[in-house]
Amino acid sequence: MVSFLQSYSNLFIKALNQAVKCNADRFPEDFMFKLKKEEWIEIERVSNMSSQNVMTSLQ
C-alpha cells in the first residue's frame, strides 16, 4: 500500500511540475520551491516512521 501511494504521489508531483512549467505566468513566483536532497531524505524518513506507527496501531 505504501509503495502504491508513493508511486501515485510521484505521478502527482510530476504532473504538478509540468503544469507549473507550462503555465508559469498563472502561478505566483513563490508558489513552488525545491527541496535539497537532504531535506527530501528527512521528509521520507519521518514519513516512513509515521506510516510504520499507523501500521503498528492497526494490528
PDB file of N, CA and C in Angstrom:
ATOM      1  N   MET A   1       0.826  -1.193   0.000  1.00  0.00           N
ATOM      2  CA  MET A   1       0.000   0.000   0.000  1.00  0.00           C
ATOM      3  C   MET A   1       0.871   1.257   0.000  1.00  0.00           C
ATOM      4  N   VAL A   2       1.899   1.256   0.829  1.00  0.00           N
ATOM      5  CA  VAL A   2       2.766   2.427   0.917  1.00  0.00           C
ATOM      6  C   VAL A   2       3.465   2.686  -0.417  1.00  0.00           C
ATOM      7  N   SER A   3       3.950   1.621  -1.060  1.00  0.00           N
ATOM      8  CA  SER A   3       4.633   1.811  -2.344  1.00  0.00           C
ATOM      9  C   SER A   3       3.662   2.329  -3.399  1.00  0.00           C
ATOM     10  N   PHE A   4       2.397   1.883  -3.354  1.00  0.00           N
ATOM     11  CA  PHE A   4       1.384   2.397  -4.280  1.00  0.00           C
ATOM     12  C   PHE A   4       1.189   3.894  -4.064  1.00  0.00           C
ATOM     13  N   LEU A   5       1.063   4.295  -2.807  1.00  0.00           N
ATOM     14  CA  LEU A   5       0.867   5.717  -2.505  1.00  0.00           C
ATOM     15  C   LEU A   5       2.072   6.541  -2.912  1.00  0.00           C
ATOM     16  N   GLN A   6       3.268   5.997  -2.720  1.00  0.00           N
ATOM     17  CA  GLN A   6       4.470   6.720  -3.118  1.00  0.00           C
ATOM     18  C   GLN A   6       4.518   6.895  -4.627  1.00  0.00           C
ATOM     19  N   SER A   7       4.196   5.851  -5.377  1.00  0.00           N
ATOM     20  CA  SER A   7       4.228   5.978  -6.840  1.00  0.00           C
ATOM     21  C   SER A   7       3.133   6.917  -7.311  1.00  0.00           C
ATOM     22  N   TYR A   8       1.970   6.875  -6.675  1.00  0.00           N
ATOM     23  CA  TYR A   8       0.877   7.792  -7.025  1.00  0.00           C
ATOM     24  C   TYR A   8       1.278   9.231  -6.740  1.00  0.00           C
ATOM     25  N   SER A   9       1.903   9.486  -5.597  1.00  0.00           N
ATOM     26  CA  SER A   9       2.314  10.848  -5.262  1.00  0.00           C
ATOM     27  C   SER A   9       3.404  11.330  -6.210  1.00  0.00           C
ATOM     28  N   ASN A  10       4.289  10.420  -6.655  1.00  0.00           N
ATOM     29  CA  ASN A  10       5.312  10.809  -7.631  1.00  0.00           C
ATOM     30  C   ASN A  10       4.674  11.235  -8.945  1.00  0.00           C
ATOM     31  N   LEU A  11       3.629  10.529  -9.380  1.00  0.00           N
ATOM     32  CA  LEU A  11       2.912  10.915 -10.602  1.00  0.00           C
ATOM     33  C   LEU A  11       2.269  12.282 -10.438  1.00  0.00           C
ATOM     34  N   PHE A  12       1.670  12.507  -9.268  1.00  0.00           N
ATOM     35  CA  PHE A  12       1.035  13.790  -9.000  1.00  0.00           C
ATOM     36  C   PHE A  12       2.062  14.916  -9.028  1.00  0.00           C
ATOM     37  N   ILE A  13       3.197  14.702  -8.411  1.00  0.00           N
ATOM     38  CA  ILE A  13       4.250  15.720  -8.367  1.00  0.00           C
ATOM     39  C   ILE A  13       4.753  16.028  -9.770  1.00  0.00           C
ATOM     40  N   LYS A  14       4.951  14.998 -10.584  1.00  0.00           N
ATOM     41  CA  LYS A  14       5.393  15.220 -11.966  1.00  0.00           C
ATOM     42  C   LYS A  14       4.361  16.019 -12.745  1.00  0.00           C
ATOM     43  N   ALA A  15       3.080  15.684 -12.575  1.00  0.00           N
ATOM     44  CA  ALA A  15       2.012  16.405 -13.280  1.00  0.00           C
ATOM     45  C   ALA A  15       1.942  17.857 -12.811  1.00  0.00           C
ATOM     46  N   LEU A  16       2.084  18.078 -11.512  1.00  0.00           N
ATOM     47  CA  LEU A  16       2.059  19.437 -10.983  1.00  0.00           C
ATOM     48  C   LEU A  16       3.241  20.246 -11.503  1.00  0.00           C
ATOM     49  N   ASN A  17       4.431  19.654 -11.484  1.00  0.00           N
ATOM     50  CA  ASN A  17       5.615  20.343 -12.010  1.00  0.00           C
ATOM     51  C   ASN A  17       5.427  20.719 -13.468  1.00  0.00           C
ATOM     52  N   GLN A  18       4.873  19.806 -14.254  1.00  0.00           N
ATOM     53  CA  GLN A  18       4.640  20.076 -15.676  1.00  0.00           C
ATOM     54  C   GLN A  18       3.617  21.191 -15.859  1.00  0.00           C
ATOM     55  N   ALA A  19       2.550  21.167 -15.078  1.00  0.00           N
ATOM     56  CA  ALA A  19       1.515  22.209 -15.176  1.00  0.00           C
ATOM     57  C   ALA A  19       2.090  23.582 -14.847  1.00  0.00           C
ATOM     58  N   VAL A  20       2.903  23.646 -13.818  1.00  0.00           N
ATOM     59  CA  VAL A  20       3.505  24.927 -13.435  1.00  0.00           C
ATOM     60  C   VAL A  20       4.473  25.391 -14.510  1.00  0.00           C
ATOM     61  N   LYS A  21       5.261  24.466 -15.034  1.00  0.00           N
ATOM     62  CA  LYS A  21       6.229  24.817 -16.072  1.00  0.00           C
ATOM     63  C   LYS A  21       5.522  25.361 -17.317  1.00  0.00           C
ATOM     64  N   CYS A  22       4.427  24.722 -17.705  1.00  0.00           N
ATOM     65  CA  CYS A  22       3.710  25.130 -18.918  1.00  0.00           C
ATOM     66  C   CYS A  22       2.870  26.390 -18.718  1.00  0.00           C
ATOM     67  N   ASN A  23       2.534  26.693 -17.472  1.00  0.00           N
ATOM     68  CA  ASN A  23       1.663  27.839 -17.181  1.00  0.00           C
ATOM     69  C   ASN A  23       2.278  28.739 -16.121  1.00  0.00           C
ATOM     70  N   ALA A  24       3.563  28.964 -16.216  1.00  0.00           N
ATOM     71  CA  ALA A  24       4.292  29.704 -15.178  1.00  0.00           C
ATOM     72  C   ALA A  24       3.677  31.069 -14.892  1.00  0.00           C
ATOM     73  N   ASP A  25       3.126  31.709 -15.907  1.00  0.00           N
ATOM     74  CA  ASP A  25       2.558  33.044 -15.706  1.00  0.00           C
ATOM     75  C   ASP A  25       1.274  33.018 -14.870  1.00  0.00           C
ATOM     76  N   ARG A  26       0.687  31.868 -14.673  1.00  0.00           N
ATOM     77  CA  ARG A  26      -0.549  31.751 -13.889  1.00  0.00           C
ATOM     78  C   ARG A  26      -0.294  31.490 -12.404  1.00  0.00           C
ATOM     79  N   PHE A  27       0.941  31.195 -12.050  1.00  0.00           N
ATOM     80  CA  PHE A  27       1.273  30.878 -10.670  1.00  0.00           C
ATOM     81  C   PHE A  27       2.107  32.010 -10.071  1.00  0.00           C
ATOM     82  N   PRO A  28       1.899  32.305  -8.779  1.00  0.00           N
ATOM     83  CA  PRO A  28       2.759  33.299  -8.129  1.00  0.00           C
ATOM     84  C   PRO A  28       4.202  32.809  -8.089  1.00  0.00           C
ATOM     85  N   GLU A  29       5.121  33.743  -8.027  1.00  0.00           N
ATOM     86  CA  GLU A  29       6.546  33.397  -8.049  1.00  0.00           C
ATOM     87  C   GLU A  29       6.945  32.427  -6.943  1.00  0.00           C
ATOM     88  N   ASP A  30       6.335  32.589  -5.776  1.00  0.00           N
ATOM     89  CA  ASP A  30       6.717  31.752  -4.638  1.00  0.00           C
ATOM     90  C   ASP A  30       5.815  30.523  -4.471  1.00  0.00           C
ATOM     91  N   PHE A  31       5.094  30.142  -5.525  1.00  0.00           N
ATOM     92  CA  PHE A  31       4.172  29.007  -5.446  1.00  0.00           C
ATOM     93  C   PHE A  31       4.904  27.698  -5.183  1.00  0.00           C
ATOM     94  N   MET A  32       6.027  27.499  -5.832  1.00  0.00           N
ATOM     95  CA  MET A  32       6.767  26.249  -5.685  1.00  0.00           C
ATOM     96  C   MET A  32       8.186  26.522  -5.204  1.00  0.00           C
ATOM     97  N   PHE A  33       8.759  25.512  -4.621  1.00  0.00           N
ATOM     98  CA  PHE A  33      10.148  25.572  -4.195  1.00  0.00           C
ATOM     99  C   PHE A  33      10.737  24.185  -4.353  1.00  0.00           C
ATOM    100  N   LYS A  34      12.027  24.108  -4.359  1.00  0.00           N
ATOM    101  CA  LYS A  34      12.702  22.815  -4.479  1.00  0.00           C
ATOM    102  C   LYS A  34      13.409  22.510  -3.171  1.00  0.00           C
ATOM    103  N   LEU A  35      13.275  21.268  -2.762  1.00  0.00           N
ATOM    104  CA  LEU A  35      13.969  20.819  -1.562  1.00  0.00           C
ATOM    105  C   LEU A  35      15.370  20.354  -1.912  1.00  0.00           C
ATOM    106  N   LYS A  36      16.272  20.545  -0.978  1.00  0.00           N
ATOM    107  CA  LYS A  36      17.602  19.960  -1.114  1.00  0.00           C
ATOM    108  C   LYS A  36      17.460  18.457  -0.891  1.00  0.00           C
ATOM    109  N   LYS A  37      18.401  17.697  -1.400  1.00  0.00           N
ATOM    110  CA  LYS A  37      18.352  16.245  -1.277  1.00  0.00           C
ATOM    111  C   LYS A  37      18.242  15.823   0.189  1.00  0.00           C
ATOM    112  N   GLU A  38      18.997  16.481   1.066  1.00  0.00           N
ATOM    113  CA  GLU A  38      18.977  16.145   2.482  1.00  0.00           C
ATOM    114  C   GLU A  38      17.595  16.399   3.091  1.00  0.00           C
ATOM    115  N   GLU A  39      16.938  17.478   2.663  1.00  0.00           N
ATOM    116  CA  GLU A  39      15.604  17.794   3.175  1.00  0.00           C
ATOM    117  C   GLU A  39      14.596  16.724   2.733  1.00  0.00           C
ATOM    118  N   TRP A  40      14.699  16.308   1.469  1.00  0.00           N
ATOM    119  CA  TRP A  40      13.794  15.284   0.955  1.00  0.00           C
ATOM    120  C   TRP A  40      13.995  13.960   1.697  1.00  0.00           C
ATOM    121  N   ILE A  41      15.245  13.604   1.956  1.00  0.00           N
ATOM    122  CA  ILE A  41      15.545  12.369   2.687  1.00  0.00           C
ATOM    123  C   ILE A  41      14.943  12.422   4.082  1.00  0.00           C
ATOM    124  N   GLU A  42      15.033  13.563   4.732  1.00  0.00           N
ATOM    125  CA  GLU A  42      14.468  13.719   6.079  1.00  0.00           C
ATOM    126  C   GLU A  42      12.944  13.590   6.041  1.00  0.00           C
ATOM    127  N   ILE A  43      12.306  14.164   5.055  1.00  0.00           N
ATOM    128  CA  ILE A  43      10.849  14.047   4.925  1.00  0.00           C
ATOM    129  C   ILE A  43      10.457  12.589   4.708  1.00  0.00           C
ATOM    130  N   GLU A  44      11.180  11.889   3.855  1.00  0.00           N
ATOM    131  CA  GLU A  44      10.895  10.469   3.630  1.00  0.00           C
ATOM    132  C   GLU A  44      11.082   9.664   4.905  1.00  0.00           C
ATOM    133  N   ARG A  45      12.128   9.969   5.648  1.00  0.00           N
ATOM    134  CA  ARG A  45      12.405   9.245   6.885  1.00  0.00           C
ATOM    135  C   ARG A  45      11.265   9.437   7.885  1.00  0.00           C
ATOM    136  N   VAL A  46      10.844  10.666   8.068  1.00  0.00           N
ATOM    137  CA  VAL A  46       9.765  10.965   9.011  1.00  0.00           C
ATOM    138  C   VAL A  46       8.452  10.351   8.526  1.00  0.00           C
ATOM    139  N   SER A  47       8.223  10.416   7.221  1.00  0.00           N
ATOM    140  CA  SER A  47       7.011   9.839   6.646  1.00  0.00           C
ATOM    141  C   SER A  47       6.977   8.329   6.863  1.00  0.00           C
ATOM    142  N   ASN A  48       8.090   7.664   6.651  1.00  0.00           N
ATOM    143  CA  ASN A  48       8.158   6.214   6.864  1.00  0.00           C
ATOM    144  C   ASN A  48       7.928   5.859   8.320  1.00  0.00           C
ATOM    145  N   MET A  49       8.452   6.682   9.222  1.00  0.00           N
ATOM    146  CA  MET A  49       8.231   6.432  10.644  1.00  0.00           C
ATOM    147  C   MET A  49       6.747   6.559  10.966  1.00  0.00           C
ATOM    148  N   SER A  50       6.086   7.558  10.390  1.00  0.00           N
ATOM    149  CA  SER A  50       4.662   7.772  10.641  1.00  0.00           C
ATOM    150  C   SER A  50       3.842   6.614  10.112  1.00  0.00           C
ATOM    151  N   SER A  51       4.143   6.141   8.910  1.00  0.00           N
ATOM    152  CA  SER A  51       3.378   5.039   8.336  1.00  0.00           C
ATOM    153  C   SER A  51       3.606   3.756   9.132  1.00  0.00           C
ATOM    154  N   GLN A  52       4.804   3.563   9.660  1.00  0.00           N
ATOM    155  CA  GLN A  52       5.065   2.384  10.497  1.00  0.00           C
ATOM    156  C   GLN A  52       4.259   2.451  11.779  1.00  0.00           C
ATOM    157  N   ASN A  53       4.128   3.667  12.344  1.00  0.00           N
ATOM    158  CA  ASN A  53       3.343   3.832  13.574  1.00  0.00           C
ATOM    159  C   ASN A  53       1.864   3.530  13.303  1.00  0.00           C
ATOM    160  N   VAL A  54       1.367   3.942  12.163  1.00  0.00           N
ATOM    161  CA  VAL A  54      -0.025   3.680  11.813  1.00  0.00           C
ATOM    162  C   VAL A  54      -0.238   2.180  11.658  1.00  0.00           C
ATOM    163  N   MET A  55       0.647   1.515  10.938  1.00  0.00           N
ATOM    164  CA  MET A  55       0.517   0.082  10.708  1.00  0.00           C
ATOM    165  C   MET A  55       0.579  -0.673  12.047  1.00  0.00           C
ATOM    166  N   THR A  56       1.428  -0.253  12.941  1.00  0.00           N
ATOM    167  CA  THR A  56       1.553  -0.901  14.257  1.00  0.00           C
ATOM    168  C   THR A  56       0.270  -0.732  15.054  1.00  0.00           C
ATOM    169  N   SER A  57      -0.321   0.450  15.001  1.00  0.00           N
ATOM    170  CA  SER A  57      -1.531   0.704  15.768  1.00  0.00           C
ATOM    171  C   SER A  57      -2.741  -0.026  15.199  1.00  0.00           C
ATOM    172  N   LEU A  58      -2.692  -0.403  13.918  1.00  0.00           N
ATOM    173  CA  LEU A  58      -3.801  -1.124  13.290  1.00  0.00           C
ATOM    174  C   LEU A  58      -3.784  -2.622  13.625  1.00  0.00           C
ATOM    175  N   GLN A  59      -2.667  -3.114  14.106  1.00  0.00           N
ATOM    176  CA  GLN A  59      -2.553  -4.557  14.381  1.00  0.00           C
ATOM    177  C   GLN A  59      -3.225  -4.948  15.672  1.00  0.00           C
TER     178      GLN A  59
END
